[in-house]
Amino acid sequence: MSLDRRSFLKLAGATGLFALSPAAVQAAETLGKGKHKPRVVVIGGGYGGATCSKYLRMWSNNAVEVVMVERQKQFISCPMSNTVLGGSRTMADITHDYDSLTRKWGVNRVEAEVTAIDPAKKTIRTARGELSYDRLVLAPGIDFLYDQVQGTSHELAETKVPHAWKAGKQTALLRSQLEAMPDGGVYVLAIPKAPYRCPPGPYERVCQVAFYLKHHKPRSKIIVLDANPDITSKKGLFMKAWNELYPGMIDYRPNAQVVRVDGATLTAHTDFDAVKADVLNVVPPMRAGKVADLAGVVTADKRWCGVDFLSFESTAQPGIHVIGDAVSSSLPKSGHMANTQAKVAAAAIIELLAGNQPDPDPVLGNTCYSMVSDKEAMHVANVFKYDKEKKQFVAAPGGGVSDKHSETEGSYAKYWAMNIWSDVLK
């Protein structure tokens, strides 16, 4: 039976809060009575890792010791980072500290890079020393396959041809390049073949760059080189936004995979064309973050990590759980999805540590807002239920997308961001 929109959004909202089953509550109580306090190490402090760390402490009533290893000093949100390019937000607006995780929830935070993982000994190593664990959670995010686009490299991305697909230094770099671009210049965005982090993200970026150029450099042009045969998410909504808000500014070219980049001349080469840019923004193909290789959990296409979706435990390494963008699945690779996967994993880990089985009917939710101007947005929302026969999550009836972009949706997007940042970090 399909859900009406009101019921669906209510259910989608509920998945953001999540709730422990009575069995999981009992499992947490059992852990609290034991002499040994189990330790869970979480590698990664993004939407998945930070959420999992917080909820492991909260739901176990502090009966589980949690150590979160994250090399960055602060949390910088990829969702909403495109608005920094458009100019309606600053880097400070999307940057948050981890203080509440430590002070309020008792998460032990280690600011370091992981250099080795030994699944047999259940240890991880950083420059600051070795840590043992009872369960390990990997939230490694994504890394880039520079070798698949000739001429690209980490060094080039950091200096001249940013991808800005990890919010932070490169976001600020790309913004400064747009500000320095002459009126009448050309901004070129190269989109990789799916799957990649945040399916609608590139098309939202087009909107945000177009918004900035429309108001500050109106003679400029945007060329989109999309390796995919079509817009991969919210096609009708994005086309409507481009046509209504930025007519004549955007040259969208499907099946235009960039195979080579000339950093010296800022030229992107496809199999058919060479496109010269004033600002060149190349997003390379992606894979699970390199810490997944250290743990030996990369299984699918040498890129992504297979998991048991009831617990997000790796299919390659028992005792190691993988959440977020690194997971091999048809689920969207989004911040909200990482947040809800983290809760399912946290609940399952509490059960497993108590000697029980995870909840057999977990539910995930995902809502993704795309800002098309400084004030207008649209969204897509879905609830995903576990299918026992397929052993994976499938979309429940009733999901959908906005009717159109609007300022009302832009207001919703603002509060969505505030709420999820609070859920992850506060």
Protein backbone atom coordinates (compact mmCIF):
# COMPACT_ATOMS: atom_id res chain seq x y z
CA MET A 1 0.00 0.00 0.00
CA SER A 2 1.40 3.41 -0.95
CA LEU A 3 1.82 6.15 1.64
CA ASP A 4 0.35 9.59 1.04
CA ARG A 5 2.82 12.47 1.06
CA ARG A 6 2.02 13.59 4.61
CA SER A 7 2.46 10.06 6.03
CA PHE A 8 5.58 9.49 3.98
CA LEU A 9 7.29 12.67 5.18
CA LYS A 10 6.31 11.83 8.74
CA LEU A 11 7.94 8.42 8.40
CA ALA A 12 10.98 9.94 6.68
CA GLY A 13 11.32 12.39 9.56
CA ALA A 14 11.08 9.59 12.07
CA THR A 15 13.99 7.76 10.48
CA GLY A 16 16.10 10.83 11.12
CA LEU A 17 15.44 10.45 14.84
CA PHE A 18 15.52 6.65 14.85
CA ALA A 19 14.70 4.55 17.92
CA LEU A 20 16.19 1.50 19.56
CA SER A 21 14.09 -1.63 19.60
CA PRO A 22 13.18 -3.02 23.06
CA ALA A 23 15.66 -5.85 22.41
CA ALA A 24 18.45 -3.37 21.77
CA VAL A 25 17.58 -1.45 24.94
CA GLN A 26 17.87 -4.71 26.86
CA ALA A 27 21.18 -5.44 25.13
CA ALA A 28 22.53 -2.06 26.24
CA GLU A 29 21.48 -2.80 29.82
CA THR A 30 23.27 -6.16 29.64
CA LEU A 31 26.46 -4.47 28.46
CA GLY A 32 26.26 -2.01 31.34
CA LYS A 33 26.29 -4.87 33.87
CA GLY A 34 29.38 -6.55 32.43
CA LYS A 35 32.86 -6.23 33.94
CA HIS A 36 34.49 -5.59 30.57
CA LYS A 37 33.57 -2.38 28.81
CA PRO A 38 33.83 -3.17 25.10
CA ARG A 39 35.69 -0.69 22.92
CA VAL A 40 34.49 0.36 19.49
CA VAL A 41 36.92 2.33 17.36
CA VAL A 42 35.35 4.50 14.67
CA ILE A 43 37.59 5.70 11.85
CA GLY A 44 36.20 8.82 10.22
CA GLY A 45 34.38 11.83 11.65
CA GLY A 46 32.00 12.74 8.83
CA TYR A 47 28.24 12.24 8.71
CA GLY A 48 28.62 8.48 9.22
CA GLY A 49 31.48 8.28 11.69
CA ALA A 50 30.45 11.12 14.00
CA THR A 51 26.84 9.92 14.12
CA CYS A 52 27.85 6.34 14.89
CA SER A 53 30.21 7.50 17.64
CA LYS A 54 27.54 9.60 19.31
CA TYR A 55 24.77 7.01 19.10
CA LEU A 56 26.97 4.15 20.33
CA ARG A 57 27.54 6.14 23.51
CA MET A 58 23.98 7.38 23.84
CA TRP A 59 22.20 4.11 23.13
CA SER A 60 24.54 1.97 25.23
CA ASN A 61 24.09 4.36 28.15
CA ASN A 62 27.88 4.82 28.12
CA ALA A 63 28.44 1.06 28.47
CA VAL A 64 30.55 1.06 25.29
CA GLU A 65 33.86 2.90 25.09
CA VAL A 66 34.06 4.78 21.80
CA VAL A 67 37.22 6.13 20.21
CA MET A 68 36.76 8.23 17.07
CA VAL A 69 39.86 8.63 14.93
CA GLU A 70 39.65 11.59 12.56
CA ARG A 71 42.57 13.48 11.02
CA GLN A 72 40.69 16.77 10.56
CA LYS A 73 40.31 19.24 13.43
CA GLN A 74 36.77 20.20 12.44
CA PHE A 75 33.70 18.82 10.69
CA ILE A 76 33.13 20.51 7.32
CA SER A 77 29.82 19.67 5.67
CA CYS A 78 29.73 18.60 2.03
CA PRO A 79 25.95 19.12 1.93
CA MET A 80 25.45 22.90 1.57
CA SER A 81 29.09 23.43 0.49
CA ASN A 82 28.01 24.33 -3.04
CA THR A 83 26.32 27.43 -1.61
CA VAL A 84 29.78 28.70 -0.66
CA LEU A 85 30.52 28.78 -4.40
CA GLY A 86 27.30 30.68 -4.99
CA GLY A 87 28.17 33.15 -2.26
CA SER A 88 25.17 32.78 0.04
CA ARG A 89 27.21 30.92 2.67
CA THR A 90 30.80 31.04 3.89
CA MET A 91 33.15 28.26 4.91
CA ALA A 92 32.49 29.22 8.53
CA ASP A 93 28.78 28.52 8.02
CA ILE A 94 29.42 24.87 7.13
CA THR A 95 32.25 24.26 9.62
CA HIS A 96 31.58 22.82 13.07
CA ASP A 97 33.63 21.54 15.98
CA TYR A 98 33.54 18.13 17.66
CA ASP A 99 33.43 19.47 21.22
CA SER A 100 29.97 18.13 22.11
CA LEU A 101 30.90 14.59 21.08
CA THR A 102 33.66 14.68 23.69
CA ARG A 103 32.13 16.78 26.46
CA LYS A 104 28.51 15.67 26.27
CA TRP A 105 28.75 12.11 24.96
CA GLY A 106 32.16 11.00 26.19
CA VAL A 107 33.56 10.06 22.80
CA ASN A 108 37.35 9.82 22.95
CA ARG A 109 38.66 11.67 19.89
CA VAL A 110 42.06 10.97 18.38
CA GLU A 111 43.23 13.49 15.80
CA ALA A 112 45.48 11.35 13.63
CA GLU A 113 45.79 9.47 10.37
CA VAL A 114 45.42 5.69 10.40
CA THR A 115 48.50 4.00 8.97
CA ALA A 116 47.74 0.30 9.53
CA ILE A 117 44.88 -2.02 10.49
CA ASP A 118 45.29 -5.62 11.66
CA PRO A 119 41.89 -7.36 11.56
CA ALA A 120 43.35 -10.57 13.06
CA LYS A 121 44.79 -8.80 16.12
CA LYS A 122 41.96 -6.25 16.18
CA THR A 123 44.30 -3.29 16.29
CA ILE A 124 44.77 -0.06 14.38
CA ARG A 125 47.93 2.03 14.25
CA THR A 126 48.38 5.78 13.92
CA ALA A 127 51.42 8.03 14.34
CA ARG A 128 50.26 8.47 17.94
CA GLY A 129 50.32 4.76 18.74
CA GLU A 130 48.30 1.55 18.58
CA LEU A 131 44.66 1.01 19.56
CA SER A 132 42.87 -2.28 20.15
CA TYR A 133 39.16 -2.74 19.52
CA ASP A 134 36.32 -5.19 20.03
CA ARG A 135 34.49 -3.83 16.98
CA LEU A 136 35.76 -1.47 14.30
CA VAL A 137 33.63 0.96 12.29
CA LEU A 138 34.97 2.43 9.06
CA ALA A 139 33.42 5.61 7.71
CA PRO A 140 36.17 6.30 5.18
CA GLY A 141 34.25 8.43 2.71
CA ILE A 142 35.70 8.57 -0.79
CA ASP A 143 39.03 8.95 -2.55
CA PHE A 144 39.69 9.74 -6.19
CA LEU A 145 40.85 7.63 -9.12
CA TYR A 146 43.19 10.18 -10.66
CA ASP A 147 44.75 7.49 -12.85
CA GLN A 148 41.49 7.26 -14.80
CA VAL A 149 41.79 10.86 -16.05
CA GLN A 150 45.19 11.47 -17.61
CA GLY A 151 46.92 14.58 -16.32
CA THR A 152 45.01 14.81 -13.04
CA SER A 153 46.61 14.37 -9.65
CA HIS A 154 46.12 15.33 -6.03
CA GLU A 155 48.70 18.08 -6.46
CA LEU A 156 46.90 19.57 -9.48
CA ALA A 157 43.56 19.42 -7.63
CA GLU A 158 45.06 21.28 -4.69
CA THR A 159 46.47 24.10 -6.82
CA LYS A 160 44.89 24.63 -10.26
CA VAL A 161 42.11 22.18 -11.16
CA PRO A 162 40.10 21.50 -7.98
CA HIS A 163 37.41 18.89 -7.65
CA ALA A 164 36.10 20.44 -4.41
CA TRP A 165 34.21 17.19 -3.78
CA LYS A 166 35.52 17.06 -0.23
CA ALA A 167 34.43 20.28 1.40
CA GLY A 168 37.31 22.34 2.73
CA LYS A 169 40.43 23.89 1.23
CA GLN A 170 39.42 23.13 -2.36
CA THR A 171 35.96 24.65 -1.86
CA ALA A 172 37.64 27.92 -0.89
CA LEU A 173 40.07 27.58 -3.83
CA LEU A 174 37.29 27.10 -6.36
CA ARG A 175 35.37 30.06 -4.94
CA SER A 176 38.46 32.27 -5.28
CA GLN A 177 38.96 31.11 -8.87
CA LEU A 178 35.38 32.07 -9.72
CA GLU A 179 35.86 35.47 -8.12
CA ALA A 180 39.04 36.02 -10.17
CA MET A 181 37.49 34.86 -13.44
CA PRO A 182 36.84 37.69 -15.92
CA ASP A 183 33.32 38.57 -16.94
CA GLY A 184 32.77 36.65 -20.15
CA GLY A 185 34.92 33.75 -18.95
CA VAL A 186 34.09 30.05 -19.13
CA TYR A 187 33.59 27.75 -16.16
CA VAL A 188 33.83 24.04 -17.06
CA LEU A 189 32.56 21.27 -14.78
CA ALA A 190 33.46 17.64 -15.55
CA ILE A 191 31.18 15.04 -13.93
CA PRO A 192 32.33 11.39 -13.57
CA LYS A 193 30.29 8.32 -14.35
CA ALA A 194 28.02 7.16 -11.54
CA PRO A 195 28.30 5.96 -8.84
CA TYR A 196 29.80 8.97 -7.13
CA ARG A 197 29.23 10.88 -3.90
CA CYS A 198 25.97 12.90 -3.93
CA PRO A 199 24.16 12.15 -7.21
CA PRO A 200 22.49 15.59 -7.54
CA GLY A 201 25.57 17.46 -6.27
CA PRO A 202 27.14 18.35 -9.65
CA TYR A 203 23.89 19.77 -10.99
CA GLU A 204 23.32 21.77 -7.83
CA ARG A 205 26.85 23.12 -8.28
CA VAL A 206 25.94 24.27 -11.79
CA CYS A 207 23.03 26.21 -10.27
CA GLN A 208 25.17 27.81 -7.59
CA VAL A 209 27.94 28.84 -9.98
CA ALA A 210 25.31 30.15 -12.39
CA PHE A 211 23.72 32.16 -9.56
CA TYR A 212 27.06 33.79 -8.75
CA LEU A 213 27.93 34.50 -12.38
CA LYS A 214 24.46 35.87 -13.19
CA HIS A 215 24.83 38.52 -10.50
CA HIS A 216 28.53 39.31 -10.82
CA LYS A 217 29.79 38.19 -14.25
CA PRO A 218 26.67 38.00 -16.44
CA ARG A 219 28.50 37.58 -19.77
CA SER A 220 30.12 34.34 -18.56
CA LYS A 221 29.26 30.81 -19.64
CA ILE A 222 29.08 27.37 -18.03
CA ILE A 223 29.94 24.17 -19.90
CA VAL A 224 28.98 20.86 -18.24
CA LEU A 225 30.86 17.78 -19.47
CA ASP A 226 28.86 14.88 -18.06
CA ALA A 227 30.27 11.36 -18.48
CA ASN A 228 26.75 10.02 -17.90
CA PRO A 229 24.15 9.73 -20.69
CA ASP A 230 21.82 12.11 -18.84
CA ILE A 231 21.34 14.08 -15.64
CA THR A 232 21.43 11.38 -12.96
CA SER A 233 19.12 12.93 -10.35
CA LYS A 234 16.15 15.34 -10.35
CA LYS A 235 16.50 15.85 -14.10
CA GLY A 236 13.19 17.61 -14.68
CA LEU A 237 13.69 19.92 -11.71
CA PHE A 238 17.22 20.89 -12.66
CA MET A 239 16.30 21.50 -16.29
CA LYS A 240 13.42 23.70 -15.15
CA ALA A 241 15.70 25.65 -12.81
CA TRP A 242 18.36 26.13 -15.48
CA ASN A 243 15.84 27.29 -18.07
CA GLU A 244 13.92 29.61 -15.77
CA LEU A 245 16.67 31.05 -13.60
CA TYR A 246 19.74 30.93 -15.85
CA PRO A 247 18.54 30.96 -19.48
CA GLY A 248 21.31 30.80 -22.07
CA MET A 249 24.11 30.42 -19.50
CA ILE A 250 24.47 26.61 -19.32
CA ASP A 251 25.75 24.35 -22.10
CA TYR A 252 25.03 20.79 -20.92
CA ARG A 253 26.80 17.99 -22.82
CA PRO A 254 25.93 14.37 -21.94
CA ASN A 255 28.17 11.39 -22.80
CA ALA A 256 31.13 13.74 -22.58
CA GLN A 257 33.61 11.83 -20.43
CA VAL A 258 36.82 13.73 -19.74
CA VAL A 259 39.79 11.46 -20.43
CA ARG A 260 42.66 13.95 -20.23
CA VAL A 261 43.35 17.28 -18.58
CA ASP A 262 45.98 19.83 -19.52
CA GLY A 263 46.60 21.74 -16.32
CA ALA A 264 48.87 24.29 -17.98
CA THR A 265 46.21 25.47 -20.43
CA LEU A 266 43.14 24.51 -18.36
CA THR A 267 41.83 22.32 -21.15
CA ALA A 268 39.58 19.27 -20.69
CA HIS A 269 39.78 16.64 -23.43
CA THR A 270 36.99 14.20 -24.21
CA ASP A 271 37.10 11.53 -26.92
CA PHE A 272 35.54 14.06 -29.30
CA ASP A 273 36.53 17.54 -28.22
CA ALA A 274 38.91 19.83 -26.36
CA VAL A 275 37.26 22.39 -24.10
CA LYS A 276 39.24 25.38 -22.85
CA ALA A 277 38.26 26.90 -19.53
CA ASP A 278 39.03 29.95 -17.45
CA VAL A 279 38.04 27.92 -14.38
CA LEU A 280 38.31 24.15 -14.73
CA ASN A 281 36.53 21.99 -12.14
CA VAL A 282 37.19 18.29 -12.77
CA VAL A 283 35.57 15.74 -10.46
CA PRO A 284 37.40 12.42 -10.98
CA PRO A 285 35.85 8.96 -10.61
CA MET A 286 35.63 7.83 -6.99
CA ARG A 287 36.19 4.83 -4.76
CA ALA A 288 36.11 3.98 -1.06
CA GLY A 289 38.59 5.95 1.05
CA LYS A 290 42.03 4.37 1.34
CA VAL A 291 41.56 3.24 4.95
CA ALA A 292 39.18 0.61 3.52
CA ASP A 293 42.18 -0.89 1.71
CA LEU A 294 44.15 -1.01 4.96
CA ALA A 295 41.34 -3.06 6.50
CA GLY A 296 40.94 -5.36 3.49
CA VAL A 297 37.24 -4.62 3.05
CA VAL A 298 37.16 -3.41 -0.57
CA THR A 299 35.29 -6.09 -2.51
CA ALA A 300 33.24 -4.63 -5.40
CA ASP A 301 34.99 -3.54 -8.62
CA LYS A 302 38.09 -2.82 -6.50
CA ARG A 303 36.23 0.35 -5.50
CA TRP A 304 33.51 -0.25 -2.91
CA CYS A 305 32.88 -2.30 0.23
CA GLY A 306 30.40 -5.17 0.49
CA VAL A 307 28.42 -5.37 3.74
CA ASP A 308 25.69 -7.35 5.49
CA PHE A 309 22.95 -4.71 5.48
CA LEU A 310 21.44 -5.87 8.78
CA SER A 311 24.55 -4.68 10.63
CA PHE A 312 26.78 -3.09 7.97
CA GLU A 313 29.42 -5.65 8.94
CA SER A 314 31.93 -6.25 6.16
CA THR A 315 31.41 -9.36 4.05
CA ALA A 316 35.21 -9.66 3.84
CA GLN A 317 36.34 -9.00 7.44
CA PRO A 318 34.28 -10.08 10.49
CA GLY A 319 34.12 -7.53 13.27
CA ILE A 320 34.57 -4.57 10.92
CA HIS A 321 31.58 -2.45 9.92
CA VAL A 322 31.53 -0.06 6.96
CA ILE A 323 29.09 2.84 6.59
CA GLY A 324 28.54 5.80 4.30
CA ASP A 325 29.75 6.52 0.79
CA ALA A 326 32.20 3.60 0.76
CA VAL A 327 29.43 0.97 0.83
CA SER A 328 28.68 -0.99 -2.34
CA SER A 329 24.93 -0.63 -2.92
CA SER A 330 22.27 1.07 -4.98
CA LEU A 331 21.57 3.41 -2.07
CA PRO A 332 22.37 7.08 -2.67
CA LYS A 333 25.79 8.18 -1.44
CA SER A 334 24.64 11.14 0.63
CA GLY A 335 25.24 12.71 4.02
CA HIS A 336 21.73 11.87 5.24
CA MET A 337 22.14 8.26 4.10
CA ALA A 338 25.44 7.98 5.98
CA ASN A 339 23.73 9.40 9.05
CA THR A 340 20.94 6.79 9.02
CA GLN A 341 23.29 3.92 8.13
CA ALA A 342 25.34 4.91 11.17
CA LYS A 343 22.32 4.50 13.43
CA VAL A 344 21.47 1.07 12.06
CA ALA A 345 25.11 0.03 12.53
CA ALA A 346 25.27 1.46 16.08
CA ALA A 347 22.13 -0.42 17.14
CA ALA A 348 23.42 -3.63 15.55
CA ILE A 349 26.83 -3.33 17.24
CA ILE A 350 25.21 -2.95 20.65
CA GLU A 351 23.22 -6.13 19.99
CA LEU A 352 26.25 -8.04 18.73
CA LEU A 353 28.41 -7.00 21.67
CA ALA A 354 25.69 -8.35 23.97
CA GLY A 355 25.66 -11.67 22.09
CA ASN A 356 22.39 -11.02 20.27
CA GLN A 357 21.36 -10.71 16.61
CA PRO A 358 20.66 -7.32 14.99
CA ASP A 359 17.18 -6.02 14.29
CA PRO A 360 15.86 -8.07 11.33
CA ASP A 361 13.78 -5.17 9.96
CA PRO A 362 15.96 -2.03 9.86
CA VAL A 363 14.81 1.10 8.04
CA LEU A 364 16.85 3.84 6.38
CA GLY A 365 15.77 7.31 5.34
CA ASN A 366 17.23 9.83 2.93
CA THR A 367 16.32 13.41 2.15
CA CYS A 368 18.44 15.46 -0.20
CA TYR A 369 17.91 19.16 -0.79
CA SER A 370 19.46 20.95 -3.74
CA MET A 371 19.85 24.73 -3.59
CA VAL A 372 19.25 26.26 -7.02
CA SER A 373 19.76 29.90 -5.95
CA ASP A 374 20.50 31.73 -2.73
CA LYS A 375 16.97 31.11 -1.43
CA GLU A 376 15.31 28.46 -3.61
CA ALA A 377 15.67 24.68 -3.38
CA MET A 378 14.01 21.35 -4.17
CA HIS A 379 14.28 17.93 -2.60
CA VAL A 380 14.09 14.20 -3.12
CA ALA A 381 13.08 11.90 -0.24
CA ASN A 382 12.90 8.14 0.22
CA VAL A 383 12.47 5.55 2.94
CA PHE A 384 14.29 2.25 2.41
CA LYS A 385 13.23 -1.02 4.05
CA TYR A 386 15.26 -4.19 4.37
CA ASP A 387 14.17 -6.92 1.96
CA LYS A 388 14.83 -10.33 3.52
CA GLU A 389 14.89 -12.16 0.18
CA LYS A 390 17.16 -9.71 -1.61
CA LYS A 391 19.18 -9.10 1.58
CA GLN A 392 19.43 -5.42 0.81
CA PHE A 393 17.47 -2.21 1.22
CA VAL A 394 14.76 -1.31 -1.28
CA ALA A 395 12.81 1.92 -1.62
CA ALA A 396 9.40 1.89 0.05
CA PRO A 397 6.39 3.22 -1.86
CA GLY A 398 5.59 6.86 -1.36
CA GLY A 399 8.90 8.59 -1.97
CA GLY A 400 9.21 11.42 -4.39
CA VAL A 401 10.57 14.79 -5.37
CA SER A 402 9.44 18.40 -5.15
CA ASP A 403 6.91 19.74 -7.60
CA LYS A 404 9.19 22.70 -8.30
CA HIS A 405 11.95 24.79 -6.81
CA SER A 406 10.75 27.43 -4.35
CA GLU A 407 11.77 29.67 -1.47
CA THR A 408 9.64 27.50 0.83
CA GLU A 409 11.81 24.51 -0.08
CA GLY A 410 14.87 26.71 0.47
CA SER A 411 13.66 27.39 4.00
CA TYR A 412 13.15 23.66 4.55
CA ALA A 413 16.69 23.04 3.30
CA LYS A 414 18.10 25.51 5.80
CA TYR A 415 16.37 23.82 8.71
CA TRP A 416 17.22 20.34 7.41
CA ALA A 417 20.89 21.32 7.54
CA MET A 418 20.62 22.79 11.04
CA ASN A 419 18.79 19.70 12.31
CA ILE A 420 21.13 17.12 10.82
CA TRP A 421 24.24 18.99 11.98
CA SER A 422 22.76 18.97 15.48
CA ASP A 423 21.88 15.26 15.20
CA VAL A 424 25.40 14.38 14.09
CA LEU A 425 27.43 16.55 16.44
CA LYS A 426 25.45 17.91 19.39
